[in-house]
Amino acid sequence: MNISRMEQFLDQMKNDALSDQRVVPPQLVWDERTGRRGRPRKRILPDFLRCAVNFYGPTAIAEFLQVDKSVVEKEIEEHQLVHIRSQRLRVAD
C-alpha cells in the first residue's frame, strides 16, 4: 500500500496531460444526483478503479481519493471488480 507511489504516478500523468493543452485530466471522483433526499452519491471513475484494485486495497484507494472506504467498496461491487489480494486470502484459508 504505497500511496505516495500512486500519487507520484498520477501526478506524472497529470503533468504529461497538462503539457499537451488539448488533453483534459480526468475527474476521478464526482457527485451524482440521485433525485432522492440526502447527500448526492459519490462515484469513482471505473477505469481508474479497475486499475487501482489490481495494486491496492479499498482502504488505500479510499485514502488516496479522500472518500470513505464504503464508497470504494460499493463501486467495486457495482462494477463487479474483484480485489485480487482478498481473492488470494480467501483461497489460502
N, C-alpha and C. Protein backbone atom coordinates (compact mmCIF):
# COMPACT_ATOMS: atom_id res chain seq x y z
N MET A 1 0.84 -1.19 0.00
CA MET A 1 0.00 0.00 0.00
C MET A 1 0.87 1.25 0.00
N ASN A 2 1.54 1.50 -1.06
CA ASN A 2 2.40 2.66 -1.14
C ASN A 2 1.63 3.79 -1.82
N ILE A 3 0.94 4.58 -1.02
CA ILE A 3 0.10 5.66 -1.53
C ILE A 3 0.95 6.73 -2.19
N SER A 4 2.14 6.99 -1.66
CA SER A 4 2.98 8.03 -2.25
C SER A 4 3.38 7.67 -3.68
N ARG A 5 3.60 6.37 -3.95
CA ARG A 5 3.93 5.96 -5.32
C ARG A 5 2.74 6.17 -6.26
N MET A 6 1.52 5.89 -5.76
CA MET A 6 0.33 6.10 -6.57
C MET A 6 0.16 7.59 -6.85
N GLU A 7 0.41 8.43 -5.84
CA GLU A 7 0.30 9.87 -6.03
C GLU A 7 1.32 10.37 -7.05
N GLN A 8 2.56 9.86 -6.97
CA GLN A 8 3.59 10.27 -7.92
C GLN A 8 3.21 9.86 -9.34
N PHE A 9 2.69 8.65 -9.49
CA PHE A 9 2.29 8.16 -10.80
C PHE A 9 1.18 9.04 -11.39
N LEU A 10 0.16 9.35 -10.58
CA LEU A 10 -0.94 10.17 -11.08
C LEU A 10 -0.50 11.61 -11.32
N ASP A 11 0.40 12.13 -10.48
CA ASP A 11 0.94 13.47 -10.72
C ASP A 11 1.70 13.53 -12.04
N GLN A 12 2.48 12.49 -12.32
CA GLN A 12 3.21 12.43 -13.58
C GLN A 12 2.25 12.39 -14.77
N MET A 13 1.19 11.58 -14.64
CA MET A 13 0.19 11.50 -15.71
C MET A 13 -0.47 12.86 -15.90
N LYS A 14 -0.79 13.53 -14.79
CA LYS A 14 -1.42 14.85 -14.87
C LYS A 14 -0.48 15.85 -15.53
N ASN A 15 0.80 15.84 -15.13
CA ASN A 15 1.76 16.78 -15.72
C ASN A 15 1.95 16.52 -17.21
N ASP A 16 1.99 15.24 -17.59
CA ASP A 16 2.09 14.91 -19.01
C ASP A 16 0.87 15.41 -19.77
N ALA A 17 -0.30 15.22 -19.17
CA ALA A 17 -1.53 15.67 -19.83
C ALA A 17 -1.60 17.18 -19.92
N LEU A 18 -1.13 17.87 -18.87
CA LEU A 18 -1.18 19.33 -18.89
C LEU A 18 -0.18 19.93 -19.87
N SER A 19 0.89 19.20 -20.16
CA SER A 19 1.86 19.72 -21.13
C SER A 19 1.25 19.74 -22.54
N ASP A 20 0.29 18.86 -22.78
CA ASP A 20 -0.44 18.87 -24.04
C ASP A 20 -1.78 19.56 -23.76
N GLN A 21 -1.94 20.78 -24.22
CA GLN A 21 -3.10 21.59 -23.88
C GLN A 21 -4.42 21.03 -24.40
N ARG A 22 -4.37 20.09 -25.32
CA ARG A 22 -5.61 19.53 -25.86
C ARG A 22 -6.20 18.46 -24.94
N VAL A 23 -5.42 17.94 -24.00
CA VAL A 23 -5.86 16.86 -23.13
C VAL A 23 -6.33 17.43 -21.79
N VAL A 24 -7.51 17.01 -21.35
CA VAL A 24 -8.05 17.43 -20.06
C VAL A 24 -7.91 16.26 -19.09
N PRO A 25 -7.28 16.47 -17.92
CA PRO A 25 -7.14 15.36 -16.97
C PRO A 25 -8.51 14.88 -16.49
N PRO A 26 -8.65 13.58 -16.29
CA PRO A 26 -9.96 13.06 -15.88
C PRO A 26 -10.28 13.39 -14.43
N GLN A 27 -11.55 13.51 -14.16
CA GLN A 27 -12.02 13.71 -12.79
C GLN A 27 -12.23 12.31 -12.21
N LEU A 28 -11.52 11.97 -11.15
CA LEU A 28 -11.58 10.61 -10.60
C LEU A 28 -12.81 10.37 -9.74
N VAL A 29 -13.27 11.41 -9.02
CA VAL A 29 -14.43 11.28 -8.13
C VAL A 29 -15.38 12.44 -8.41
N TRP A 30 -16.68 12.14 -8.45
CA TRP A 30 -17.67 13.20 -8.64
C TRP A 30 -18.93 12.82 -7.88
N ASP A 31 -19.80 13.82 -7.68
CA ASP A 31 -21.09 13.61 -7.02
C ASP A 31 -22.15 13.34 -8.07
N GLU A 32 -23.00 12.35 -7.80
CA GLU A 32 -24.10 12.03 -8.71
C GLU A 32 -25.41 12.31 -8.00
N ARG A 33 -26.21 13.16 -8.59
CA ARG A 33 -27.51 13.47 -8.01
C ARG A 33 -28.47 12.33 -8.32
N THR A 34 -29.09 11.77 -7.28
CA THR A 34 -29.99 10.64 -7.47
C THR A 34 -31.45 11.06 -7.56
N GLY A 35 -31.75 12.31 -7.20
CA GLY A 35 -33.14 12.77 -7.19
C GLY A 35 -33.84 12.46 -5.87
N ARG A 36 -33.12 11.78 -4.98
CA ARG A 36 -33.68 11.46 -3.68
C ARG A 36 -33.13 12.42 -2.64
N ARG A 37 -33.75 12.41 -1.47
CA ARG A 37 -33.29 13.27 -0.38
C ARG A 37 -31.94 12.81 0.12
N GLY A 38 -31.21 13.74 0.71
CA GLY A 38 -29.93 13.41 1.30
C GLY A 38 -28.76 13.82 0.43
N ARG A 39 -27.60 13.32 0.82
CA ARG A 39 -26.38 13.67 0.10
C ARG A 39 -26.33 13.00 -1.26
N PRO A 40 -25.69 13.66 -2.22
CA PRO A 40 -25.50 13.00 -3.52
C PRO A 40 -24.52 11.84 -3.39
N ARG A 41 -24.65 10.88 -4.28
CA ARG A 41 -23.80 9.70 -4.24
C ARG A 41 -22.44 10.01 -4.85
N LYS A 42 -21.38 9.53 -4.22
CA LYS A 42 -20.02 9.67 -4.75
C LYS A 42 -19.80 8.59 -5.79
N ARG A 43 -19.24 8.95 -6.92
CA ARG A 43 -18.91 7.99 -7.98
C ARG A 43 -17.41 8.07 -8.24
N ILE A 44 -16.83 6.94 -8.65
CA ILE A 44 -15.40 6.85 -8.95
C ILE A 44 -15.25 6.42 -10.39
N LEU A 45 -14.32 7.03 -11.10
CA LEU A 45 -14.06 6.70 -12.49
C LEU A 45 -13.76 5.20 -12.62
N PRO A 46 -14.58 4.45 -13.35
CA PRO A 46 -14.41 2.99 -13.42
C PRO A 46 -13.05 2.54 -13.95
N ASP A 47 -12.50 3.23 -14.92
CA ASP A 47 -11.19 2.84 -15.47
C ASP A 47 -10.09 2.97 -14.42
N PHE A 48 -10.13 4.05 -13.63
CA PHE A 48 -9.16 4.22 -12.56
C PHE A 48 -9.32 3.12 -11.52
N LEU A 49 -10.57 2.85 -11.14
CA LEU A 49 -10.83 1.85 -10.12
C LEU A 49 -10.39 0.46 -10.58
N ARG A 50 -10.65 0.14 -11.84
CA ARG A 50 -10.25 -1.15 -12.40
C ARG A 50 -8.74 -1.35 -12.30
N CYS A 51 -7.99 -0.31 -12.55
CA CYS A 51 -6.53 -0.37 -12.46
C CYS A 51 -6.08 -0.42 -11.00
N ALA A 52 -6.67 0.41 -10.17
CA ALA A 52 -6.23 0.54 -8.78
C ALA A 52 -6.45 -0.73 -7.96
N VAL A 53 -7.56 -1.45 -8.20
CA VAL A 53 -7.83 -2.64 -7.38
C VAL A 53 -6.84 -3.76 -7.64
N ASN A 54 -6.12 -3.69 -8.74
CA ASN A 54 -5.11 -4.70 -9.01
C ASN A 54 -3.85 -4.50 -8.16
N PHE A 55 -3.66 -3.30 -7.63
CA PHE A 55 -2.44 -3.00 -6.89
C PHE A 55 -2.68 -2.59 -5.43
N TYR A 56 -3.86 -2.06 -5.13
CA TYR A 56 -4.12 -1.51 -3.81
C TYR A 56 -5.45 -2.02 -3.28
N GLY A 57 -5.56 -2.04 -1.96
CA GLY A 57 -6.81 -2.43 -1.31
C GLY A 57 -7.77 -1.25 -1.23
N PRO A 58 -9.01 -1.53 -0.85
CA PRO A 58 -10.02 -0.47 -0.76
C PRO A 58 -9.63 0.66 0.20
N THR A 59 -8.96 0.32 1.29
CA THR A 59 -8.57 1.35 2.26
C THR A 59 -7.57 2.33 1.66
N ALA A 60 -6.56 1.82 0.96
CA ALA A 60 -5.55 2.69 0.34
C ALA A 60 -6.16 3.54 -0.77
N ILE A 61 -7.05 2.95 -1.55
CA ILE A 61 -7.71 3.71 -2.63
C ILE A 61 -8.56 4.82 -2.01
N ALA A 62 -9.30 4.50 -0.95
CA ALA A 62 -10.14 5.49 -0.28
C ALA A 62 -9.31 6.64 0.29
N GLU A 63 -8.17 6.32 0.89
CA GLU A 63 -7.30 7.37 1.42
C GLU A 63 -6.79 8.27 0.31
N PHE A 64 -6.39 7.67 -0.80
CA PHE A 64 -5.87 8.45 -1.91
C PHE A 64 -6.94 9.38 -2.50
N LEU A 65 -8.16 8.86 -2.66
CA LEU A 65 -9.24 9.64 -3.26
C LEU A 65 -9.95 10.54 -2.25
N GLN A 66 -9.60 10.38 -0.98
CA GLN A 66 -10.21 11.14 0.11
C GLN A 66 -11.73 10.93 0.17
N VAL A 67 -12.12 9.65 0.10
CA VAL A 67 -13.51 9.24 0.26
C VAL A 67 -13.55 8.14 1.31
N ASP A 68 -14.73 7.79 1.75
CA ASP A 68 -14.88 6.72 2.72
C ASP A 68 -14.64 5.36 2.06
N LYS A 69 -14.14 4.43 2.83
CA LYS A 69 -13.86 3.08 2.32
C LYS A 69 -15.13 2.43 1.76
N SER A 70 -16.28 2.71 2.36
CA SER A 70 -17.53 2.12 1.88
C SER A 70 -17.88 2.58 0.47
N VAL A 71 -17.49 3.80 0.12
CA VAL A 71 -17.72 4.30 -1.25
C VAL A 71 -16.94 3.45 -2.25
N VAL A 72 -15.69 3.17 -1.94
CA VAL A 72 -14.85 2.35 -2.81
C VAL A 72 -15.41 0.94 -2.91
N GLU A 73 -15.80 0.37 -1.78
CA GLU A 73 -16.34 -0.99 -1.79
C GLU A 73 -17.63 -1.09 -2.60
N LYS A 74 -18.51 -0.09 -2.49
CA LYS A 74 -19.76 -0.08 -3.27
C LYS A 74 -19.46 0.00 -4.76
N GLU A 75 -18.50 0.84 -5.13
CA GLU A 75 -18.15 0.97 -6.54
C GLU A 75 -17.52 -0.32 -7.09
N ILE A 76 -16.68 -0.96 -6.28
CA ILE A 76 -16.07 -2.23 -6.70
C ILE A 76 -17.16 -3.27 -6.93
N GLU A 77 -18.11 -3.32 -6.01
CA GLU A 77 -19.20 -4.29 -6.14
C GLU A 77 -20.08 -3.97 -7.34
N GLU A 78 -20.40 -2.69 -7.54
CA GLU A 78 -21.28 -2.31 -8.65
C GLU A 78 -20.65 -2.61 -10.01
N HIS A 79 -19.35 -2.39 -10.13
CA HIS A 79 -18.67 -2.64 -11.41
C HIS A 79 -18.15 -4.07 -11.51
N GLN A 80 -18.48 -4.89 -10.51
CA GLN A 80 -18.10 -6.31 -10.48
C GLN A 80 -16.60 -6.51 -10.64
N LEU A 81 -15.84 -5.70 -9.91
CA LEU A 81 -14.39 -5.82 -9.89
C LEU A 81 -14.00 -6.66 -8.69
N VAL A 82 -13.04 -7.52 -8.87
CA VAL A 82 -12.60 -8.38 -7.77
C VAL A 82 -11.24 -7.89 -7.30
N HIS A 83 -11.11 -7.74 -6.00
CA HIS A 83 -9.83 -7.33 -5.45
C HIS A 83 -8.95 -8.56 -5.36
N ILE A 84 -7.85 -8.59 -6.10
CA ILE A 84 -7.01 -9.77 -6.24
C ILE A 84 -6.47 -10.23 -4.89
N ARG A 85 -6.04 -9.32 -4.03
CA ARG A 85 -5.47 -9.72 -2.74
C ARG A 85 -6.50 -10.45 -1.88
N SER A 86 -7.72 -9.92 -1.82
CA SER A 86 -8.71 -10.58 -0.98
C SER A 86 -9.09 -11.93 -1.57
N GLN A 87 -9.03 -12.07 -2.90
CA GLN A 87 -9.31 -13.36 -3.52
C GLN A 87 -8.23 -14.35 -3.13
N ARG A 88 -6.99 -13.94 -3.09
CA ARG A 88 -5.89 -14.82 -2.67
C ARG A 88 -6.04 -15.22 -1.22
N LEU A 89 -6.47 -14.27 -0.39
CA LEU A 89 -6.66 -14.58 1.02
C LEU A 89 -7.76 -15.62 1.20
N ARG A 90 -8.83 -15.53 0.42
CA ARG A 90 -9.90 -16.50 0.53
C ARG A 90 -9.43 -17.88 0.11
N VAL A 91 -8.61 -17.93 -0.93
CA VAL A 91 -8.12 -19.22 -1.42
C VAL A 91 -7.19 -19.84 -0.38
N ALA A 92 -6.41 -19.02 0.31
CA ALA A 92 -5.44 -19.52 1.26
C ALA A 92 -6.11 -20.11 2.51
N ASP A 93 -7.32 -19.71 2.83
CA ASP A 93 -7.99 -20.20 4.04
C ASP A 93 -8.35 -21.63 3.98
